[in-house]
């Protein structure tokens, strides 16, 4: 996503081949980290479970007249004076589309963080895929992977990401139909109106959405002082400040106002908004998004922001 007015410290611009190679190297490590984090936050099934046709055992219940005798579980019935039927579970799985921004601005990592925004976004996306796949949900990625319902959906998504072409900006969502969930992960540094112009049509189509804003701590705290050169990683535009500390408060006010405006616009649309810093535990954002997907809003939508 375009980074209007982003403050960065790194060298801008890499060709598409170099970016593709970097992502291919990054994804396997992110998959390992994603599985580790997913294992720490899984708490029961996300899928809606009820009696019906399926492969997994659900419950025993008394046999009622008129049912097929083939459904009787004779071993369980032999334990007492009642005849029992072995019900199986029906999983009302739906589709969750996951997307992470891979624009150049996501490569940023200041000295205040251990990982880049890109790395954190990939970890969160793959960890969500791991949790949702274990819950029996169908997982897809717009323009990269058609929805699949499989225990190894996260691994399949990681493989698809390695071989996917590089794209910038919001994903193509014409293939998303029905009552699906959409999880968008990125830095979302454009102004709120520009972002909502792209997101609002999804809401009008009845899609339930969740936005995770990834921020480097330096982007939020602006720890710079003295003569500092800032470079936009997507345009190469430079800004030199003789006394960077003199604009700290004005910058922070504008940065947080942009975030508040985006969060409010998303909530009016009925979407959730989770701000997350790369110097915090990935599990914090993962738990928040999973709760929203499960229909249980966390205590505070800004809990992961300082």
C-alpha atoms as a PDB file:
ATOM      1  CA  UNK A   1       0.000   0.000   0.000  1.00  0.00           C
ATOM      2  CA  UNK A   2       1.301   3.447  -0.822  1.00  0.00           C
ATOM      3  CA  UNK A   3       3.009   5.106   2.104  1.00  0.00           C
ATOM      4  CA  UNK A   4       2.073   8.771   1.937  1.00  0.00           C
ATOM      5  CA  UNK A   5       4.378  10.709   4.193  1.00  0.00           C
ATOM      6  CA  UNK A   6       6.004   7.625   5.688  1.00  0.00           C
ATOM      7  CA  UNK A   7       9.126   8.243   7.749  1.00  0.00           C
ATOM      8  CA  UNK A   8      11.799   5.608   7.052  1.00  0.00           C
ATOM      9  CA  UNK A   9      15.523   5.073   7.444  1.00  0.00           C
ATOM     10  CA  UNK A  10      16.329   2.479   4.773  1.00  0.00           C
ATOM     11  CA  UNK A  11      17.476   2.564   1.164  1.00  0.00           C
ATOM     12  CA  UNK A  12      14.497   2.674  -1.227  1.00  0.00           C
ATOM     13  CA  UNK A  13      13.737   0.598  -4.252  1.00  0.00           C
ATOM     14  CA  UNK A  14      14.617  -2.990  -5.073  1.00  0.00           C
ATOM     15  CA  UNK A  15      13.846  -4.681  -8.343  1.00  0.00           C
ATOM     16  CA  UNK A  16      11.072  -7.253  -8.512  1.00  0.00           C
ATOM     17  CA  UNK A  17      13.456 -10.201  -8.735  1.00  0.00           C
ATOM     18  CA  UNK A  18      15.327  -9.221  -5.582  1.00  0.00           C
ATOM     19  CA  UNK A  19      12.045  -8.708  -3.712  1.00  0.00           C
ATOM     20  CA  UNK A  20      10.759 -12.086  -4.866  1.00  0.00           C
ATOM     21  CA  UNK A  21      13.933 -13.801  -3.676  1.00  0.00           C
ATOM     22  CA  UNK A  22      13.757 -12.043  -0.332  1.00  0.00           C
ATOM     23  CA  UNK A  23      10.184 -13.166   0.209  1.00  0.00           C
ATOM     24  CA  UNK A  24      11.048 -16.745  -0.792  1.00  0.00           C
ATOM     25  CA  UNK A  25      13.739 -16.754   1.908  1.00  0.00           C
ATOM     26  CA  UNK A  26      11.513 -15.105   4.508  1.00  0.00           C
ATOM     27  CA  UNK A  27       8.360 -17.240   4.193  1.00  0.00           C
ATOM     28  CA  UNK A  28       9.728 -20.584   5.538  1.00  0.00           C
ATOM     29  CA  UNK A  29      11.033 -18.953   8.713  1.00  0.00           C
ATOM     30  CA  UNK A  30       7.731 -17.123   9.123  1.00  0.00           C
ATOM     31  CA  UNK A  31       5.882 -20.438   8.784  1.00  0.00           C
ATOM     32  CA  UNK A  32       7.907 -21.938  11.634  1.00  0.00           C
ATOM     33  CA  UNK A  33       7.245 -18.910  13.830  1.00  0.00           C
ATOM     34  CA  UNK A  34       3.560 -18.867  12.847  1.00  0.00           C
ATOM     35  CA  UNK A  35       3.072 -22.483  13.899  1.00  0.00           C
ATOM     36  CA  UNK A  36       4.802 -21.825  17.219  1.00  0.00           C
ATOM     37  CA  UNK A  37       2.575 -18.832  17.956  1.00  0.00           C
ATOM     38  CA  UNK A  38      -0.570 -20.611  16.810  1.00  0.00           C
ATOM     39  CA  UNK A  39       0.119 -23.447  19.218  1.00  0.00           C
ATOM     40  CA  UNK A  40       0.186 -20.981  22.129  1.00  0.00           C
ATOM     41  CA  UNK A  41      -3.182 -19.361  21.411  1.00  0.00           C
ATOM     42  CA  UNK A  42      -5.409 -22.166  20.139  1.00  0.00           C
ATOM     43  CA  UNK A  43      -8.321 -22.491  22.524  1.00  0.00           C
ATOM     44  CA  UNK A  44     -10.974 -24.836  21.118  1.00  0.00           C
ATOM     45  CA  UNK A  45     -12.672 -24.989  17.773  1.00  0.00           C
ATOM     46  CA  UNK A  46     -13.473 -21.835  15.855  1.00  0.00           C
ATOM     47  CA  UNK A  47     -15.974 -23.617  13.595  1.00  0.00           C
ATOM     48  CA  UNK A  48     -19.623 -23.749  14.602  1.00  0.00           C
ATOM     49  CA  UNK A  49     -20.219 -27.335  15.690  1.00  0.00           C
ATOM     50  CA  UNK A  50     -23.541 -29.146  15.707  1.00  0.00           C
ATOM     51  CA  UNK A  51     -25.041 -32.534  14.966  1.00  0.00           C
ATOM     52  CA  UNK A  52     -25.093 -33.665  11.342  1.00  0.00           C
ATOM     53  CA  UNK A  53     -23.160 -35.420   8.605  1.00  0.00           C
ATOM     54  CA  UNK A  54     -19.424 -35.507   9.150  1.00  0.00           C
ATOM     55  CA  UNK A  55     -16.414 -37.642   9.997  1.00  0.00           C
ATOM     56  CA  UNK A  56     -15.877 -36.764  13.664  1.00  0.00           C
ATOM     57  CA  UNK A  57     -17.767 -38.206  16.618  1.00  0.00           C
ATOM     58  CA  UNK A  58     -20.118 -35.709  18.225  1.00  0.00           C
ATOM     59  CA  UNK A  59     -22.228 -37.445  20.899  1.00  0.00           C
ATOM     60  CA  UNK A  60     -24.304 -40.453  21.904  1.00  0.00           C
ATOM     61  CA  UNK A  61     -28.056 -39.941  22.202  1.00  0.00           C
ATOM     62  CA  UNK A  62     -31.038 -42.256  22.796  1.00  0.00           C
ATOM     63  CA  UNK A  63     -32.458 -44.076  19.771  1.00  0.00           C
ATOM     64  CA  UNK A  64     -35.876 -42.846  18.677  1.00  0.00           C
ATOM     65  CA  UNK A  65     -38.507 -44.873  16.850  1.00  0.00           C
ATOM     66  CA  UNK A  66     -38.348 -44.546  13.080  1.00  0.00           C
ATOM     67  CA  UNK A  67     -34.572 -44.101  12.812  1.00  0.00           C
ATOM     68  CA  UNK A  68     -32.446 -46.507  10.813  1.00  0.00           C
ATOM     69  CA  UNK A  69     -31.180 -49.457  12.863  1.00  0.00           C
ATOM     70  CA  UNK A  70     -27.808 -49.085  11.137  1.00  0.00           C
ATOM     71  CA  UNK A  71     -27.174 -45.923  13.169  1.00  0.00           C
ATOM     72  CA  UNK A  72     -27.332 -47.742  16.510  1.00  0.00           C
ATOM     73  CA  UNK A  73     -24.045 -48.059  18.391  1.00  0.00           C
ATOM     74  CA  UNK A  74     -24.446 -51.528  19.847  1.00  0.00           C
ATOM     75  CA  UNK A  75     -21.283 -51.422  21.941  1.00  0.00           C
ATOM     76  CA  UNK A  76     -22.444 -48.292  23.786  1.00  0.00           C
ATOM     77  CA  UNK A  77     -25.997 -49.636  24.050  1.00  0.00           C
ATOM     78  CA  UNK A  78     -24.751 -52.837  25.706  1.00  0.00           C
ATOM     79  CA  UNK A  79     -23.578 -50.871  28.747  1.00  0.00           C
ATOM     80  CA  UNK A  80     -27.092 -50.237  30.105  1.00  0.00           C
ATOM     81  CA  UNK A  81     -30.766 -50.713  29.309  1.00  0.00           C
ATOM     82  CA  UNK A  82     -30.998 -47.992  26.628  1.00  0.00           C
ATOM     83  CA  UNK A  83     -30.321 -48.048  22.902  1.00  0.00           C
ATOM     84  CA  UNK A  84     -27.991 -45.286  21.682  1.00  0.00           C
ATOM     85  CA  UNK A  85     -27.272 -43.670  18.334  1.00  0.00           C
ATOM     86  CA  UNK A  86     -23.775 -42.430  17.517  1.00  0.00           C
ATOM     87  CA  UNK A  87     -24.095 -38.903  16.130  1.00  0.00           C
ATOM     88  CA  UNK A  88     -21.367 -37.350  14.047  1.00  0.00           C
ATOM     89  CA  UNK A  89     -20.393 -33.720  13.897  1.00  0.00           C
ATOM     90  CA  UNK A  90     -21.430 -31.327  11.155  1.00  0.00           C
ATOM     91  CA  UNK A  91     -19.058 -28.390  10.772  1.00  0.00           C
ATOM     92  CA  UNK A  92     -20.609 -25.211   9.398  1.00  0.00           C
ATOM     93  CA  UNK A  93     -17.334 -24.034   7.892  1.00  0.00           C
ATOM     94  CA  UNK A  94     -17.173 -20.778   6.002  1.00  0.00           C
ATOM     95  CA  UNK A  95     -14.420 -19.098   4.029  1.00  0.00           C
ATOM     96  CA  UNK A  96     -11.835 -16.756   5.514  1.00  0.00           C
ATOM     97  CA  UNK A  97      -9.730 -14.778   3.043  1.00  0.00           C
ATOM     98  CA  UNK A  98      -6.311 -13.710   4.359  1.00  0.00           C
ATOM     99  CA  UNK A  99      -4.147 -11.004   2.800  1.00  0.00           C
ATOM    100  CA  UNK A 100      -0.873  -9.356   3.822  1.00  0.00           C
ATOM    101  CA  UNK A 101       0.561  -6.241   2.183  1.00  0.00           C
ATOM    102  CA  UNK A 102       3.923  -6.921   0.543  1.00  0.00           C
ATOM    103  CA  UNK A 103       4.613  -3.350  -0.614  1.00  0.00           C
ATOM    104  CA  UNK A 104       8.158  -1.932  -0.138  1.00  0.00           C
ATOM    105  CA  UNK A 105       7.040   0.106   2.884  1.00  0.00           C
ATOM    106  CA  UNK A 106       6.430  -3.173   4.731  1.00  0.00           C
ATOM    107  CA  UNK A 107      10.164  -3.990   4.607  1.00  0.00           C
ATOM    108  CA  UNK A 108      10.915  -1.306   7.176  1.00  0.00           C
ATOM    109  CA  UNK A 109      12.564  -2.322  10.480  1.00  0.00           C
ATOM    110  CA  UNK A 110      13.986   0.251  12.862  1.00  0.00           C
ATOM    111  CA  UNK A 111      16.505  -0.426  15.602  1.00  0.00           C
ATOM    112  CA  UNK A 112      13.607  -0.472  18.071  1.00  0.00           C
ATOM    113  CA  UNK A 113      12.150  -3.690  16.633  1.00  0.00           C
ATOM    114  CA  UNK A 114      13.470  -7.214  16.051  1.00  0.00           C
ATOM    115  CA  UNK A 115      11.418  -7.905  12.914  1.00  0.00           C
ATOM    116  CA  UNK A 116      10.234  -6.004   9.867  1.00  0.00           C
ATOM    117  CA  UNK A 117       6.593  -5.138   9.284  1.00  0.00           C
ATOM    118  CA  UNK A 118       6.592  -7.602   6.382  1.00  0.00           C
ATOM    119  CA  UNK A 119       7.829 -10.452   8.569  1.00  0.00           C
ATOM    120  CA  UNK A 120       5.232  -9.760  11.259  1.00  0.00           C
ATOM    121  CA  UNK A 121       2.420  -9.540   8.701  1.00  0.00           C
ATOM    122  CA  UNK A 122       3.400 -12.899   7.181  1.00  0.00           C
ATOM    123  CA  UNK A 123       3.622 -14.541  10.606  1.00  0.00           C
ATOM    124  CA  UNK A 124       0.174 -13.292  11.571  1.00  0.00           C
ATOM    125  CA  UNK A 125      -1.372 -14.396   8.271  1.00  0.00           C
ATOM    126  CA  UNK A 126       0.153 -17.878   8.419  1.00  0.00           C
ATOM    127  CA  UNK A 127      -0.661 -18.295  12.127  1.00  0.00           C
ATOM    128  CA  UNK A 128      -4.287 -17.382  11.439  1.00  0.00           C
ATOM    129  CA  UNK A 129      -4.326 -19.885   8.586  1.00  0.00           C
ATOM    130  CA  UNK A 130      -2.960 -22.552  10.931  1.00  0.00           C
ATOM    131  CA  UNK A 131      -5.585 -21.903  13.612  1.00  0.00           C
ATOM    132  CA  UNK A 132      -8.502 -21.634  11.206  1.00  0.00           C
ATOM    133  CA  UNK A 133      -7.446 -24.735   9.274  1.00  0.00           C
ATOM    134  CA  UNK A 134      -7.451 -26.749  12.474  1.00  0.00           C
ATOM    135  CA  UNK A 135     -10.977 -25.435  13.066  1.00  0.00           C
ATOM    136  CA  UNK A 136     -12.143 -26.794   9.724  1.00  0.00           C
ATOM    137  CA  UNK A 137     -12.525 -23.419   7.999  1.00  0.00           C
ATOM    138  CA  UNK A 138     -11.800 -22.817   4.315  1.00  0.00           C
ATOM    139  CA  UNK A 139      -8.723 -20.605   3.818  1.00  0.00           C
ATOM    140  CA  UNK A 140      -8.004 -18.497   0.751  1.00  0.00           C
ATOM    141  CA  UNK A 141      -5.749 -15.625  -0.296  1.00  0.00           C
ATOM    142  CA  UNK A 142      -7.048 -13.183  -2.959  1.00  0.00           C
ATOM    143  CA  UNK A 143      -5.198 -13.611  -6.232  1.00  0.00           C
ATOM    144  CA  UNK A 144      -2.787 -16.144  -4.731  1.00  0.00           C
ATOM    145  CA  UNK A 145      -4.673 -19.221  -3.487  1.00  0.00           C
ATOM    146  CA  UNK A 146      -8.231 -20.444  -3.977  1.00  0.00           C
ATOM    147  CA  UNK A 147     -10.016 -21.405  -0.740  1.00  0.00           C
ATOM    148  CA  UNK A 148      -9.103 -24.837   0.597  1.00  0.00           C
ATOM    149  CA  UNK A 149     -10.328 -26.835   3.562  1.00  0.00           C
ATOM    150  CA  UNK A 150      -7.368 -28.891   4.723  1.00  0.00           C
ATOM    151  CA  UNK A 151      -5.227 -29.369   7.789  1.00  0.00           C
ATOM    152  CA  UNK A 152      -2.159 -28.260   5.825  1.00  0.00           C
ATOM    153  CA  UNK A 153      -3.790 -25.077   4.497  1.00  0.00           C
ATOM    154  CA  UNK A 154      -1.144 -22.892   6.159  1.00  0.00           C
ATOM    155  CA  UNK A 155       1.683 -24.805   4.473  1.00  0.00           C
ATOM    156  CA  UNK A 156      -0.111 -24.597   1.135  1.00  0.00           C
ATOM    157  CA  UNK A 157      -0.567 -20.857   1.602  1.00  0.00           C
ATOM    158  CA  UNK A 158       3.136 -20.449   2.429  1.00  0.00           C
ATOM    159  CA  UNK A 159       4.085 -22.326  -0.752  1.00  0.00           C
ATOM    160  CA  UNK A 160       1.699 -20.195  -2.808  1.00  0.00           C
ATOM    161  CA  UNK A 161       3.198 -17.013  -1.344  1.00  0.00           C
ATOM    162  CA  UNK A 162       6.715 -18.075  -2.314  1.00  0.00           C
ATOM    163  CA  UNK A 163       5.701 -18.453  -5.952  1.00  0.00           C
ATOM    164  CA  UNK A 164       3.190 -15.597  -6.146  1.00  0.00           C
ATOM    165  CA  UNK A 165       3.957 -12.525  -8.292  1.00  0.00           C
ATOM    166  CA  UNK A 166       4.776  -9.319  -6.467  1.00  0.00           C
ATOM    167  CA  UNK A 167       1.855  -6.910  -6.174  1.00  0.00           C
ATOM    168  CA  UNK A 168       1.273  -3.625  -4.373  1.00  0.00           C
ATOM    169  CA  UNK A 169      -1.863  -2.008  -3.064  1.00  0.00           C
ATOM    170  CA  UNK A 170      -5.122  -3.657  -2.091  1.00  0.00           C
ATOM    171  CA  UNK A 171      -5.795  -7.120  -3.520  1.00  0.00           C
ATOM    172  CA  UNK A 172      -8.251  -7.956  -6.277  1.00  0.00           C
ATOM    173  CA  UNK A 173     -11.363  -9.214  -4.482  1.00  0.00           C
ATOM    174  CA  UNK A 174     -13.746  -9.976  -7.355  1.00  0.00           C
ATOM    175  CA  UNK A 175     -13.419 -13.705  -6.582  1.00  0.00           C
ATOM    176  CA  UNK A 176     -14.688 -13.256  -3.005  1.00  0.00           C
ATOM    177  CA  UNK A 177     -18.347 -14.174  -2.833  1.00  0.00           C
ATOM    178  CA  UNK A 178     -20.905 -15.125  -0.248  1.00  0.00           C
ATOM    179  CA  UNK A 179     -20.798 -14.553   3.481  1.00  0.00           C
ATOM    180  CA  UNK A 180     -17.041 -14.651   3.898  1.00  0.00           C
ATOM    181  CA  UNK A 181     -14.611 -13.049   6.324  1.00  0.00           C
ATOM    182  CA  UNK A 182     -11.716 -10.958   5.022  1.00  0.00           C
ATOM    183  CA  UNK A 183      -8.587 -10.260   7.098  1.00  0.00           C
ATOM    184  CA  UNK A 184      -6.362  -7.484   5.723  1.00  0.00           C
ATOM    185  CA  UNK A 185      -2.896  -7.022   7.275  1.00  0.00           C
ATOM    186  CA  UNK A 186      -0.663  -4.060   6.377  1.00  0.00           C
ATOM    187  CA  UNK A 187       0.659  -0.693   7.503  1.00  0.00           C
ATOM    188  CA  UNK A 188      -2.257   1.273   5.952  1.00  0.00           C
ATOM    189  CA  UNK A 189      -0.343   4.549   5.809  1.00  0.00           C
ATOM    190  CA  UNK A 190      -2.612   6.249   3.298  1.00  0.00           C
ATOM    191  CA  UNK A 191      -5.180   8.664   4.669  1.00  0.00           C
ATOM    192  CA  UNK A 192      -8.398   7.084   5.943  1.00  0.00           C
ATOM    193  CA  UNK A 193     -10.552   8.313   3.044  1.00  0.00           C
ATOM    194  CA  UNK A 194      -8.253   6.752   0.444  1.00  0.00           C
ATOM    195  CA  UNK A 195      -8.225   3.408   2.258  1.00  0.00           C
ATOM    196  CA  UNK A 196     -11.991   3.381   2.790  1.00  0.00           C
ATOM    197  CA  UNK A 197     -12.601   4.032  -0.918  1.00  0.00           C
ATOM    198  CA  UNK A 198     -11.076   0.592  -1.500  1.00  0.00           C
ATOM    199  CA  UNK A 199     -12.558  -1.182   1.528  1.00  0.00           C
ATOM    200  CA  UNK A 200     -16.117   0.208   1.554  1.00  0.00           C
ATOM    201  CA  UNK A 201     -17.214  -1.779  -1.543  1.00  0.00           C
ATOM    202  CA  UNK A 202     -16.336  -5.008   0.281  1.00  0.00           C
ATOM    203  CA  UNK A 203     -18.620  -4.050   3.155  1.00  0.00           C
ATOM    204  CA  UNK A 204     -21.454  -3.253   0.766  1.00  0.00           C
ATOM    205  CA  UNK A 205     -21.131  -6.770  -0.643  1.00  0.00           C
ATOM    206  CA  UNK A 206     -21.869  -8.186   2.799  1.00  0.00           C
ATOM    207  CA  UNK A 207     -18.338  -9.283   3.631  1.00  0.00           C
ATOM    208  CA  UNK A 208     -17.298  -9.195   7.264  1.00  0.00           C
ATOM    209  CA  UNK A 209     -13.846  -7.664   7.569  1.00  0.00           C
ATOM    210  CA  UNK A 210     -10.974  -7.307  10.000  1.00  0.00           C
ATOM    211  CA  UNK A 211      -8.047  -4.915   9.512  1.00  0.00           C
ATOM    212  CA  UNK A 212      -4.711  -5.328  11.300  1.00  0.00           C
ATOM    213  CA  UNK A 213      -2.477  -2.251  11.149  1.00  0.00           C
ATOM    214  CA  UNK A 214       1.206  -3.139  11.513  1.00  0.00           C
ATOM    215  CA  UNK A 215       3.447  -0.345  12.798  1.00  0.00           C
ATOM    216  CA  UNK A 216       7.122  -0.149  13.624  1.00  0.00           C
ATOM    217  CA  UNK A 217       7.652   1.523  17.031  1.00  0.00           C
ATOM    218  CA  UNK A 218       9.769   4.236  15.399  1.00  0.00           C
ATOM    219  CA  UNK A 219       6.870   5.141  13.112  1.00  0.00           C
ATOM    220  CA  UNK A 220       4.663   5.739  16.123  1.00  0.00           C
ATOM    221  CA  UNK A 221       7.147   7.194  18.640  1.00  0.00           C
ATOM    222  CA  UNK A 222       9.362   9.190  16.226  1.00  0.00           C
ATOM    223  CA  UNK A 223      12.601   8.845  18.287  1.00  0.00           C
ATOM    224  CA  UNK A 224      14.727  10.946  15.904  1.00  0.00           C
ATOM    225  CA  UNK A 225      16.763  14.017  16.780  1.00  0.00           C
ATOM    226  CA  UNK A 226      19.334  16.238  15.107  1.00  0.00           C
ATOM    227  CA  UNK A 227      19.895  16.297  11.358  1.00  0.00           C
ATOM    228  CA  UNK A 228      18.013  13.337   9.866  1.00  0.00           C
ATOM    229  CA  UNK A 229      17.295  12.284   6.303  1.00  0.00           C
ATOM    230  CA  UNK A 230      13.997  10.448   5.711  1.00  0.00           C
ATOM    231  CA  UNK A 231      13.393   8.419   2.550  1.00  0.00           C
ATOM    232  CA  UNK A 232      10.107   7.113   1.188  1.00  0.00           C
ATOM    233  CA  UNK A 233      10.763   3.447   0.197  1.00  0.00           C
ATOM    234  CA  UNK A 234       8.174   3.492  -2.594  1.00  0.00           C
ATOM    235  CA  UNK A 235       8.837   6.833  -4.299  1.00  0.00           C
ATOM    236  CA  UNK A 236      12.436   7.519  -3.264  1.00  0.00           C
ATOM    237  CA  UNK A 237      11.437  11.008  -2.175  1.00  0.00           C
ATOM    238  CA  UNK A 238      13.736  12.474   0.477  1.00  0.00           C
ATOM    239  CA  UNK A 239      13.125  14.870   3.345  1.00  0.00           C
ATOM    240  CA  UNK A 240      15.956  16.377   5.392  1.00  0.00           C
ATOM    241  CA  UNK A 241      15.229  17.826   8.818  1.00  0.00           C
ATOM    242  CA  UNK A 242      17.891  19.866  10.626  1.00  0.00           C
ATOM    243  CA  UNK A 243      16.260  19.274  14.038  1.00  0.00           C
ATOM    244  CA  UNK A 244      14.031  16.215  13.782  1.00  0.00           C
ATOM    245  CA  UNK A 245      12.946  16.494  17.412  1.00  0.00           C
ATOM    246  CA  UNK A 246      11.243  19.808  16.652  1.00  0.00           C
ATOM    247  CA  UNK A 247       8.543  18.078  14.592  1.00  0.00           C
ATOM    248  CA  UNK A 248       8.023  15.060  16.895  1.00  0.00           C
ATOM    249  CA  UNK A 249       4.781  16.158  18.538  1.00  0.00           C
ATOM    250  CA  UNK A 250       3.250  17.447  15.310  1.00  0.00           C
ATOM    251  CA  UNK A 251       4.144  14.188  13.581  1.00  0.00           C
ATOM    252  CA  UNK A 252       2.758  11.998  16.389  1.00  0.00           C
ATOM    253  CA  UNK A 253      -0.477  13.986  16.454  1.00  0.00           C
ATOM    254  CA  UNK A 254      -0.956  13.533  12.708  1.00  0.00           C
ATOM    255  CA  UNK A 255       0.013   9.838  12.813  1.00  0.00           C
ATOM    256  CA  UNK A 256      -2.412   8.946  15.596  1.00  0.00           C
ATOM    257  CA  UNK A 257      -5.191  11.094  14.097  1.00  0.00           C
ATOM    258  CA  UNK A 258      -4.864   9.110  10.853  1.00  0.00           C
ATOM    259  CA  UNK A 259      -5.131   5.851  12.803  1.00  0.00           C
ATOM    260  CA  UNK A 260      -8.149   7.035  14.802  1.00  0.00           C
ATOM    261  CA  UNK A 261      -9.932   8.167  11.636  1.00  0.00           C
ATOM    262  CA  UNK A 262      -9.333   4.807   9.955  1.00  0.00           C
ATOM    263  CA  UNK A 263     -10.452   2.838  12.990  1.00  0.00           C
ATOM    264  CA  UNK A 264     -13.630   4.879  13.339  1.00  0.00           C
ATOM    265  CA  UNK A 265     -14.479   4.523   9.629  1.00  0.00           C
ATOM    266  CA  UNK A 266     -14.000   0.766   9.801  1.00  0.00           C
ATOM    267  CA  UNK A 267     -16.151   0.425  12.903  1.00  0.00           C
ATOM    268  CA  UNK A 268     -18.950   2.411  11.245  1.00  0.00           C
ATOM    269  CA  UNK A 269     -18.831  -0.159   8.448  1.00  0.00           C
ATOM    270  CA  UNK A 270     -19.057  -2.956  11.003  1.00  0.00           C
ATOM    271  CA  UNK A 271     -15.445  -4.078  10.577  1.00  0.00           C
ATOM    272  CA  UNK A 272     -12.921  -4.625  13.354  1.00  0.00           C
ATOM    273  CA  UNK A 273      -9.618  -2.762  13.649  1.00  0.00           C
ATOM    274  CA  UNK A 274      -6.516  -4.021  15.476  1.00  0.00           C
ATOM    275  CA  UNK A 275      -3.421  -1.771  15.659  1.00  0.00           C
ATOM    276  CA  UNK A 276      -0.236  -3.717  16.401  1.00  0.00           C
ATOM    277  CA  UNK A 277       3.430  -2.757  16.906  1.00  0.00           C
ATOM    278  CA  UNK A 278       6.303  -4.976  15.840  1.00  0.00           C
ATOM    279  CA  UNK A 279       7.982  -4.608  19.244  1.00  0.00           C
ATOM    280  CA  UNK A 280       5.059  -6.436  20.833  1.00  0.00           C
ATOM    281  CA  UNK A 281       4.208 -10.135  20.908  1.00  0.00           C
ATOM    282  CA  UNK A 282       2.594 -11.359  17.710  1.00  0.00           C
ATOM    283  CA  UNK A 283       0.250 -13.451  19.839  1.00  0.00           C
ATOM    284  CA  UNK A 284      -1.448 -10.273  21.112  1.00  0.00           C
ATOM    285  CA  UNK A 285      -2.698  -9.344  17.642  1.00  0.00           C
ATOM    286  CA  UNK A 286      -3.432 -12.970  16.789  1.00  0.00           C
ATOM    287  CA  UNK A 287      -5.679 -13.437  19.799  1.00  0.00           C
ATOM    288  CA  UNK A 288      -7.533 -10.181  19.095  1.00  0.00           C
ATOM    289  CA  UNK A 289      -8.242 -11.070  15.460  1.00  0.00           C
ATOM    290  CA  UNK A 290      -9.250 -14.627  16.346  1.00  0.00           C
ATOM    291  CA  UNK A 291     -11.719 -13.289  18.895  1.00  0.00           C
ATOM    292  CA  UNK A 292     -13.266 -10.999  16.310  1.00  0.00           C
ATOM    293  CA  UNK A 293     -13.530 -13.896  13.873  1.00  0.00           C
ATOM    294  CA  UNK A 294     -15.236 -15.914  16.596  1.00  0.00           C
ATOM    295  CA  UNK A 295     -17.706 -13.104  17.267  1.00  0.00           C
ATOM    296  CA  UNK A 296     -16.210 -12.155  20.631  1.00  0.00           C
ATOM    297  CA  UNK A 297     -14.823  -8.607  20.630  1.00  0.00           C
ATOM    298  CA  UNK A 298     -11.748  -8.059  22.838  1.00  0.00           C
ATOM    299  CA  UNK A 299     -12.024  -5.659  25.756  1.00  0.00           C
ATOM    300  CA  UNK A 300     -10.295  -2.860  23.850  1.00  0.00           C
ATOM    301  CA  UNK A 301      -9.633  -2.489  20.131  1.00  0.00           C
ATOM    302  CA  UNK A 302      -6.644  -0.277  20.845  1.00  0.00           C
ATOM    303  CA  UNK A 303      -5.166  -2.544  23.453  1.00  0.00           C
ATOM    304  CA  UNK A 304      -2.116  -3.366  21.353  1.00  0.00           C
ATOM    305  CA  UNK A 305      -1.216   0.266  20.732  1.00  0.00           C
ATOM    306  CA  UNK A 306       0.939   2.382  22.999  1.00  0.00           C
END
